[in-house]
N, C-alpha and C. Protein backbone atom coordinates (compact mmCIF):
# COMPACT_ATOMS: atom_id res chain seq x y z
N UNK A 1 7.55 -8.44 -29.52
CA UNK A 1 6.32 -7.76 -29.96
C UNK A 1 6.05 -6.56 -29.17
N UNK A 2 5.08 -5.99 -29.80
CA UNK A 2 4.87 -4.37 -29.29
C UNK A 2 3.52 -4.05 -29.63
N UNK A 3 3.31 -2.83 -29.27
CA UNK A 3 2.18 -2.21 -29.56
C UNK A 3 2.27 -0.97 -30.73
N UNK A 4 1.76 -0.82 -31.61
CA UNK A 4 1.61 -0.08 -32.47
C UNK A 4 0.61 1.00 -32.55
N UNK A 5 0.77 2.25 -32.94
CA UNK A 5 -0.17 3.26 -32.82
C UNK A 5 -0.29 3.91 -34.40
N UNK A 6 -1.44 4.13 -34.77
CA UNK A 6 -1.84 4.98 -35.98
C UNK A 6 -2.99 5.81 -36.12
N UNK A 7 -2.80 6.77 -36.73
CA UNK A 7 -4.00 7.43 -36.99
C UNK A 7 -4.75 6.81 -37.99
N UNK A 8 -5.98 6.57 -37.84
CA UNK A 8 -7.13 6.08 -38.64
C UNK A 8 -7.11 6.99 -40.02
N UNK A 9 -6.97 6.14 -41.15
CA UNK A 9 -6.98 6.85 -42.45
C UNK A 9 -5.71 7.69 -42.69
N UNK A 10 -4.52 7.18 -42.06
CA UNK A 10 -3.37 7.81 -42.09
C UNK A 10 -2.13 6.98 -42.49
N UNK A 11 -1.26 7.20 -43.17
CA UNK A 11 0.16 6.44 -42.91
C UNK A 11 1.14 6.69 -41.65
N UNK A 12 0.47 7.50 -40.79
CA UNK A 12 1.26 7.67 -39.54
C UNK A 12 1.50 6.74 -38.55
N UNK A 13 2.38 5.99 -38.67
CA UNK A 13 2.56 4.70 -37.38
C UNK A 13 3.69 5.05 -36.71
N UNK A 14 3.55 4.87 -35.35
CA UNK A 14 4.54 4.60 -34.62
C UNK A 14 4.34 3.48 -33.46
N UNK A 15 5.39 2.98 -32.77
CA UNK A 15 5.13 1.94 -31.77
C UNK A 15 6.23 1.79 -30.81
N UNK A 16 6.21 0.84 -30.04
CA UNK A 16 7.23 0.23 -29.01
C UNK A 16 6.93 -0.92 -28.51
N UNK A 17 7.89 -1.61 -28.04
CA UNK A 17 7.44 -2.80 -27.21
C UNK A 17 6.46 -2.51 -25.85
N UNK A 18 5.68 -3.59 -25.64
CA UNK A 18 4.56 -3.42 -24.55
C UNK A 18 5.34 -3.16 -23.30
N UNK A 19 6.44 -3.56 -22.98
CA UNK A 19 7.28 -3.22 -21.64
C UNK A 19 7.69 -1.83 -21.80
N UNK A 20 8.13 -1.38 -22.79
CA UNK A 20 8.46 0.17 -22.71
C UNK A 20 7.19 1.00 -22.67
N UNK A 21 6.07 0.62 -23.28
CA UNK A 21 4.81 1.50 -23.25
C UNK A 21 4.35 1.63 -21.86
N UNK A 22 4.28 0.19 -21.24
CA UNK A 22 3.92 0.09 -19.77
C UNK A 22 4.67 0.83 -18.94
N UNK A 23 6.14 0.87 -19.04
CA UNK A 23 6.94 1.68 -18.10
C UNK A 23 6.64 3.15 -18.37
N UNK A 24 6.35 3.63 -19.64
CA UNK A 24 6.13 4.76 -19.94
C UNK A 24 4.77 5.34 -19.19
N UNK A 25 3.71 4.54 -19.34
CA UNK A 25 2.48 5.01 -18.80
C UNK A 25 2.52 5.06 -17.32
N UNK A 26 3.37 4.14 -16.50
CA UNK A 26 3.71 4.23 -15.24
C UNK A 26 4.54 5.63 -14.95
N UNK A 27 5.36 6.06 -15.76
CA UNK A 27 5.85 7.40 -15.41
C UNK A 27 5.09 8.45 -15.72
N UNK A 28 4.13 8.42 -16.53
CA UNK A 28 3.08 9.35 -16.74
C UNK A 28 2.20 9.54 -15.51
N UNK A 29 1.73 8.47 -15.25
CA UNK A 29 0.98 8.31 -13.92
C UNK A 29 1.46 8.81 -12.93
N UNK A 30 2.66 8.68 -12.46
CA UNK A 30 3.41 8.98 -11.57
C UNK A 30 3.41 10.67 -11.37
N UNK A 31 3.50 11.04 -12.72
CA UNK A 31 3.71 12.64 -12.84
C UNK A 31 2.38 13.34 -12.48
N UNK A 32 1.30 12.63 -12.41
CA UNK A 32 0.10 13.09 -12.07
C UNK A 32 -0.48 12.65 -10.84
N UNK A 33 0.44 12.01 -10.03
CA UNK A 33 0.14 11.57 -8.51
C UNK A 33 -0.66 10.24 -8.50
N UNK A 34 -0.29 9.62 -9.44
CA UNK A 34 -1.18 8.03 -9.49
C UNK A 34 -0.20 7.15 -9.70
N UNK A 35 -0.51 6.00 -8.88
CA UNK A 35 0.43 4.75 -9.10
C UNK A 35 -0.21 3.72 -10.38
N UNK A 36 0.12 3.83 -11.29
CA UNK A 36 -0.46 3.05 -12.61
C UNK A 36 -0.51 1.76 -12.36
N UNK A 37 0.22 1.06 -11.58
CA UNK A 37 -0.11 -0.28 -11.12
C UNK A 37 -1.24 -0.76 -10.42
N UNK A 38 -1.61 0.37 -9.71
CA UNK A 38 -2.83 0.08 -8.78
C UNK A 38 -4.21 0.62 -9.61
N UNK A 39 -4.13 1.03 -10.85
CA UNK A 39 -5.24 1.77 -11.42
C UNK A 39 -6.26 0.48 -11.68
N UNK A 40 -6.05 -0.68 -12.11
CA UNK A 40 -7.02 -1.60 -12.42
C UNK A 40 -8.52 -1.12 -13.05
N UNK A 41 -9.33 -1.45 -12.41
CA UNK A 41 -10.70 -1.26 -12.67
C UNK A 41 -11.03 0.37 -12.79
N UNK A 42 -11.92 0.69 -13.58
CA UNK A 42 -12.31 2.28 -13.69
C UNK A 42 -12.62 2.70 -12.25
N UNK A 43 -13.11 1.81 -11.20
CA UNK A 43 -13.64 2.65 -10.01
C UNK A 43 -12.70 2.19 -8.94
N UNK A 44 -11.56 1.74 -9.20
CA UNK A 44 -10.46 1.83 -8.27
C UNK A 44 -10.16 3.11 -7.86
N UNK A 45 -9.68 3.21 -6.52
CA UNK A 45 -9.38 4.52 -5.89
C UNK A 45 -8.31 5.38 -6.87
N UNK A 46 -7.37 4.56 -7.16
CA UNK A 46 -6.35 5.18 -8.10
C UNK A 46 -6.81 5.91 -9.55
N UNK A 47 -7.84 5.02 -9.98
CA UNK A 47 -8.41 5.69 -11.25
C UNK A 47 -9.15 6.88 -11.00
N UNK A 48 -9.94 6.60 -9.72
CA UNK A 48 -10.57 8.19 -9.29
C UNK A 48 -9.63 9.20 -9.14
N UNK A 49 -8.57 9.15 -8.64
CA UNK A 49 -7.71 10.40 -8.30
C UNK A 49 -7.55 11.16 -9.63
N UNK A 50 -7.64 10.45 -10.83
CA UNK A 50 -7.36 11.22 -12.03
C UNK A 50 -8.39 11.22 -13.17
N UNK A 51 -9.43 10.74 -12.57
CA UNK A 51 -10.66 10.61 -13.61
C UNK A 51 -10.81 11.79 -14.45
N UNK A 52 -10.59 13.12 -14.09
CA UNK A 52 -11.11 14.23 -14.87
C UNK A 52 -9.72 14.61 -15.66
N UNK A 53 -8.66 14.20 -15.25
CA UNK A 53 -7.50 14.62 -15.85
C UNK A 53 -7.18 14.37 -17.48
N UNK A 54 -6.88 15.11 -18.22
CA UNK A 54 -6.69 14.81 -19.80
C UNK A 54 -5.93 13.79 -20.16
N UNK A 55 -5.21 13.27 -19.20
CA UNK A 55 -4.40 12.02 -19.58
C UNK A 55 -5.04 10.68 -19.20
N UNK A 56 -6.24 10.86 -18.38
CA UNK A 56 -6.88 9.46 -18.13
C UNK A 56 -7.11 8.70 -19.35
N UNK A 57 -7.69 9.17 -20.43
CA UNK A 57 -8.05 8.12 -21.52
C UNK A 57 -6.68 7.09 -21.81
N UNK A 58 -5.60 7.82 -21.75
CA UNK A 58 -4.12 7.18 -22.13
C UNK A 58 -4.00 5.93 -20.92
N UNK A 59 -4.23 6.38 -19.75
CA UNK A 59 -3.66 5.65 -18.74
C UNK A 59 -4.74 4.59 -18.55
N UNK A 60 -5.88 4.88 -18.83
CA UNK A 60 -6.91 3.66 -18.62
C UNK A 60 -7.05 2.79 -19.64
N UNK A 61 -6.49 3.12 -20.85
CA UNK A 61 -6.70 2.34 -22.20
C UNK A 61 -5.85 0.88 -22.10
N UNK A 62 -6.57 -0.06 -22.83
CA UNK A 62 -5.85 -1.27 -23.31
C UNK A 62 -4.57 -0.94 -23.76
N UNK A 63 -3.65 -1.82 -23.71
CA UNK A 63 -2.20 -1.74 -24.47
C UNK A 63 -2.02 -2.51 -25.66
N UNK A 64 -3.37 -3.02 -26.16
CA UNK A 64 -3.03 -3.80 -27.31
C UNK A 64 -4.39 -3.75 -28.50
N UNK A 65 -5.39 -2.98 -28.12
CA UNK A 65 -6.43 -2.83 -29.14
C UNK A 65 -7.39 -1.66 -28.63
N UNK A 66 -8.16 -1.48 -29.46
CA UNK A 66 -8.85 -0.11 -29.49
C UNK A 66 -8.49 1.26 -30.02
N UNK A 67 -9.17 2.28 -29.44
CA UNK A 67 -8.61 3.56 -30.10
C UNK A 67 -8.90 4.60 -29.14
N UNK A 68 -8.05 5.76 -29.18
CA UNK A 68 -8.52 7.12 -28.57
C UNK A 68 -9.56 7.80 -29.49
N UNK A 69 -10.58 8.34 -29.12
CA UNK A 69 -11.56 9.04 -30.00
C UNK A 69 -11.01 10.63 -30.14
N UNK A 70 -11.59 11.34 -31.18
CA UNK A 70 -11.22 12.54 -31.53
C UNK A 70 -11.14 13.53 -30.21
N UNK A 71 -12.01 13.10 -29.37
CA UNK A 71 -12.20 14.08 -28.38
C UNK A 71 -11.10 13.73 -27.11
N UNK A 72 -10.93 12.51 -26.92
CA UNK A 72 -9.72 11.83 -26.14
C UNK A 72 -8.66 12.38 -26.65
N UNK A 73 -8.32 12.30 -27.95
CA UNK A 73 -7.09 12.91 -28.46
C UNK A 73 -6.97 14.33 -27.92
N UNK A 74 -8.01 15.09 -28.10
CA UNK A 74 -7.95 16.65 -27.84
C UNK A 74 -7.42 16.79 -26.43
N UNK A 75 -8.00 15.81 -25.60
CA UNK A 75 -7.45 16.09 -24.09
C UNK A 75 -6.08 15.38 -23.94
N UNK A 76 -5.70 14.29 -24.69
CA UNK A 76 -4.49 13.55 -24.22
C UNK A 76 -3.25 14.26 -24.67
N UNK A 77 -3.34 14.82 -26.01
CA UNK A 77 -2.20 15.62 -26.46
C UNK A 77 -1.60 16.75 -25.68
N UNK A 78 -2.29 17.55 -25.25
CA UNK A 78 -1.97 18.71 -24.46
C UNK A 78 -1.66 18.31 -22.88
N UNK A 79 -2.30 17.33 -22.61
CA UNK A 79 -1.98 16.63 -21.03
C UNK A 79 -0.58 15.94 -21.32
N UNK A 80 -0.18 15.28 -22.28
CA UNK A 80 1.26 14.76 -22.47
C UNK A 80 2.20 15.74 -22.50
N UNK A 81 2.16 16.72 -23.40
CA UNK A 81 3.15 17.86 -23.78
C UNK A 81 3.48 18.60 -22.29
N UNK A 82 2.39 18.81 -21.35
CA UNK A 82 2.46 19.51 -20.22
C UNK A 82 3.33 18.54 -19.26
N UNK A 83 2.99 17.36 -19.04
CA UNK A 83 3.73 16.24 -18.50
C UNK A 83 5.11 16.19 -18.82
N UNK A 84 5.40 16.22 -20.11
CA UNK A 84 6.73 15.94 -20.77
C UNK A 84 7.67 17.22 -20.48
N UNK A 85 7.07 18.51 -20.47
CA UNK A 85 7.77 19.63 -20.20
C UNK A 85 8.24 19.76 -18.96
N UNK A 86 7.65 18.89 -18.04
CA UNK A 86 8.33 18.94 -16.55
C UNK A 86 9.60 17.78 -16.46
N UNK A 87 9.77 17.05 -17.53
CA UNK A 87 10.98 16.12 -17.69
C UNK A 87 12.12 16.89 -17.99
N UNK A 88 13.22 16.67 -17.34
CA UNK A 88 14.40 17.32 -17.42
C UNK A 88 15.31 16.88 -18.63
N UNK A 89 16.01 17.52 -19.52
CA UNK A 89 16.82 17.21 -20.30
C UNK A 89 18.22 16.49 -19.85
N UNK A 90 18.30 16.53 -18.58
CA UNK A 90 19.65 15.92 -17.71
C UNK A 90 19.29 14.32 -17.55
N UNK A 91 18.20 13.97 -17.76
CA UNK A 91 17.59 12.72 -17.38
C UNK A 91 18.51 11.43 -18.04
N UNK A 92 18.28 10.08 -17.46
CA UNK A 92 18.91 9.19 -18.14
C UNK A 92 18.27 8.76 -19.66
N UNK A 93 19.10 7.84 -20.17
CA UNK A 93 18.45 7.45 -21.68
C UNK A 93 17.07 7.19 -21.72
N UNK A 94 16.67 6.05 -20.57
CA UNK A 94 15.19 5.58 -20.76
C UNK A 94 14.25 6.90 -20.34
N UNK A 95 14.61 7.83 -19.73
CA UNK A 95 13.67 9.01 -19.14
C UNK A 95 13.57 10.17 -20.59
N UNK A 96 14.79 9.80 -21.32
CA UNK A 96 14.83 10.78 -22.50
C UNK A 96 13.98 10.08 -23.75
N UNK A 97 14.03 8.70 -23.55
CA UNK A 97 13.09 8.10 -24.57
C UNK A 97 11.66 8.19 -24.32
N UNK A 98 11.36 8.20 -22.90
CA UNK A 98 9.91 8.70 -22.52
C UNK A 98 9.63 10.04 -22.91
N UNK A 99 10.32 11.21 -22.71
CA UNK A 99 9.96 12.42 -23.29
C UNK A 99 9.89 12.20 -24.91
N UNK A 100 10.80 11.82 -25.44
CA UNK A 100 10.70 11.87 -26.86
C UNK A 100 9.41 11.08 -27.34
N UNK A 101 9.04 9.95 -26.82
CA UNK A 101 7.76 9.16 -27.14
C UNK A 101 6.73 10.18 -26.81
N UNK A 102 6.62 10.70 -25.54
CA UNK A 102 5.57 11.50 -25.00
C UNK A 102 5.15 12.40 -26.15
N UNK A 103 6.27 13.30 -26.54
CA UNK A 103 6.18 14.41 -27.63
C UNK A 103 5.64 13.64 -29.11
N UNK A 104 5.94 12.59 -29.41
CA UNK A 104 5.45 11.93 -30.67
C UNK A 104 4.07 11.48 -30.51
N UNK A 105 3.77 10.97 -29.38
CA UNK A 105 2.55 10.37 -29.20
C UNK A 105 1.55 11.85 -29.12
N UNK A 106 1.86 12.97 -28.66
CA UNK A 106 1.24 14.14 -28.43
C UNK A 106 0.84 14.48 -29.76
N UNK A 107 1.91 14.62 -30.57
CA UNK A 107 1.86 14.93 -32.00
C UNK A 107 0.63 14.12 -32.76
N UNK A 108 0.58 12.90 -32.64
CA UNK A 108 -0.42 11.91 -33.26
C UNK A 108 -1.77 12.44 -32.73
N UNK A 109 -1.93 12.60 -31.33
CA UNK A 109 -3.13 12.93 -30.87
C UNK A 109 -3.56 14.30 -31.55
N UNK A 110 -2.72 15.43 -31.66
CA UNK A 110 -2.92 16.55 -32.33
C UNK A 110 -3.37 16.42 -33.70
N UNK A 111 -2.67 15.79 -34.47
CA UNK A 111 -2.97 15.38 -35.80
C UNK A 111 -4.22 14.58 -36.01
N UNK A 112 -4.67 13.63 -35.18
CA UNK A 112 -6.13 13.21 -35.29
C UNK A 112 -7.08 14.07 -34.81
N UNK A 113 -6.95 14.88 -33.70
CA UNK A 113 -7.80 15.81 -33.51
C UNK A 113 -8.03 16.85 -34.38
N UNK A 114 -7.05 17.12 -35.21
CA UNK A 114 -7.42 18.33 -36.48
C UNK A 114 -8.12 17.55 -37.44
N UNK A 115 -7.87 16.15 -37.69
CA UNK A 115 -8.54 15.62 -38.90
C UNK A 115 -9.83 14.89 -38.32
N UNK A 116 -10.24 15.10 -37.23
CA UNK A 116 -11.59 14.49 -36.61
C UNK A 116 -11.44 12.75 -36.86
N UNK A 117 -10.00 12.47 -36.52
CA UNK A 117 -9.58 11.11 -36.75
C UNK A 117 -9.41 10.41 -35.24
N UNK A 118 -8.90 9.32 -35.09
CA UNK A 118 -8.85 8.67 -33.90
C UNK A 118 -7.19 7.78 -34.02
N UNK A 119 -6.70 7.84 -32.73
CA UNK A 119 -5.53 6.99 -32.77
C UNK A 119 -5.88 5.63 -32.35
N UNK A 120 -5.49 4.65 -33.29
CA UNK A 120 -5.75 3.23 -33.11
C UNK A 120 -4.46 2.56 -32.47
N UNK A 121 -4.82 1.59 -31.57
CA UNK A 121 -3.83 0.77 -30.71
C UNK A 121 -4.00 -0.46 -31.57
N UNK A 122 -2.98 -0.99 -32.39
CA UNK A 122 -2.86 -2.19 -32.94
C UNK A 122 -1.75 -3.10 -32.87
């Protein structure tokens, strides 16, 4: 089982296993100085650390339903690109998969933002 992402009103779909997505989000959170496993509620100290960061909507989102709005996509796409740019090409396979996924997800967010769409978690 896994989580799929698609742009509403589009054929563009990508996905990954839940475990991979959660490891990915933990790595993204670490890159912005946050421990994803401690984020929990919106008012937790870890959540508050990154509340205004562009990546916050992705890290704070359910891994199985809902969507990122157009405005959230406008912030998540560039934030993911910036984070992934700091991940080296000499990394191990799992880290390379995370970089590849980050760039693909950023592309989806950019496309959704251009089309005034949303990225759906399904």
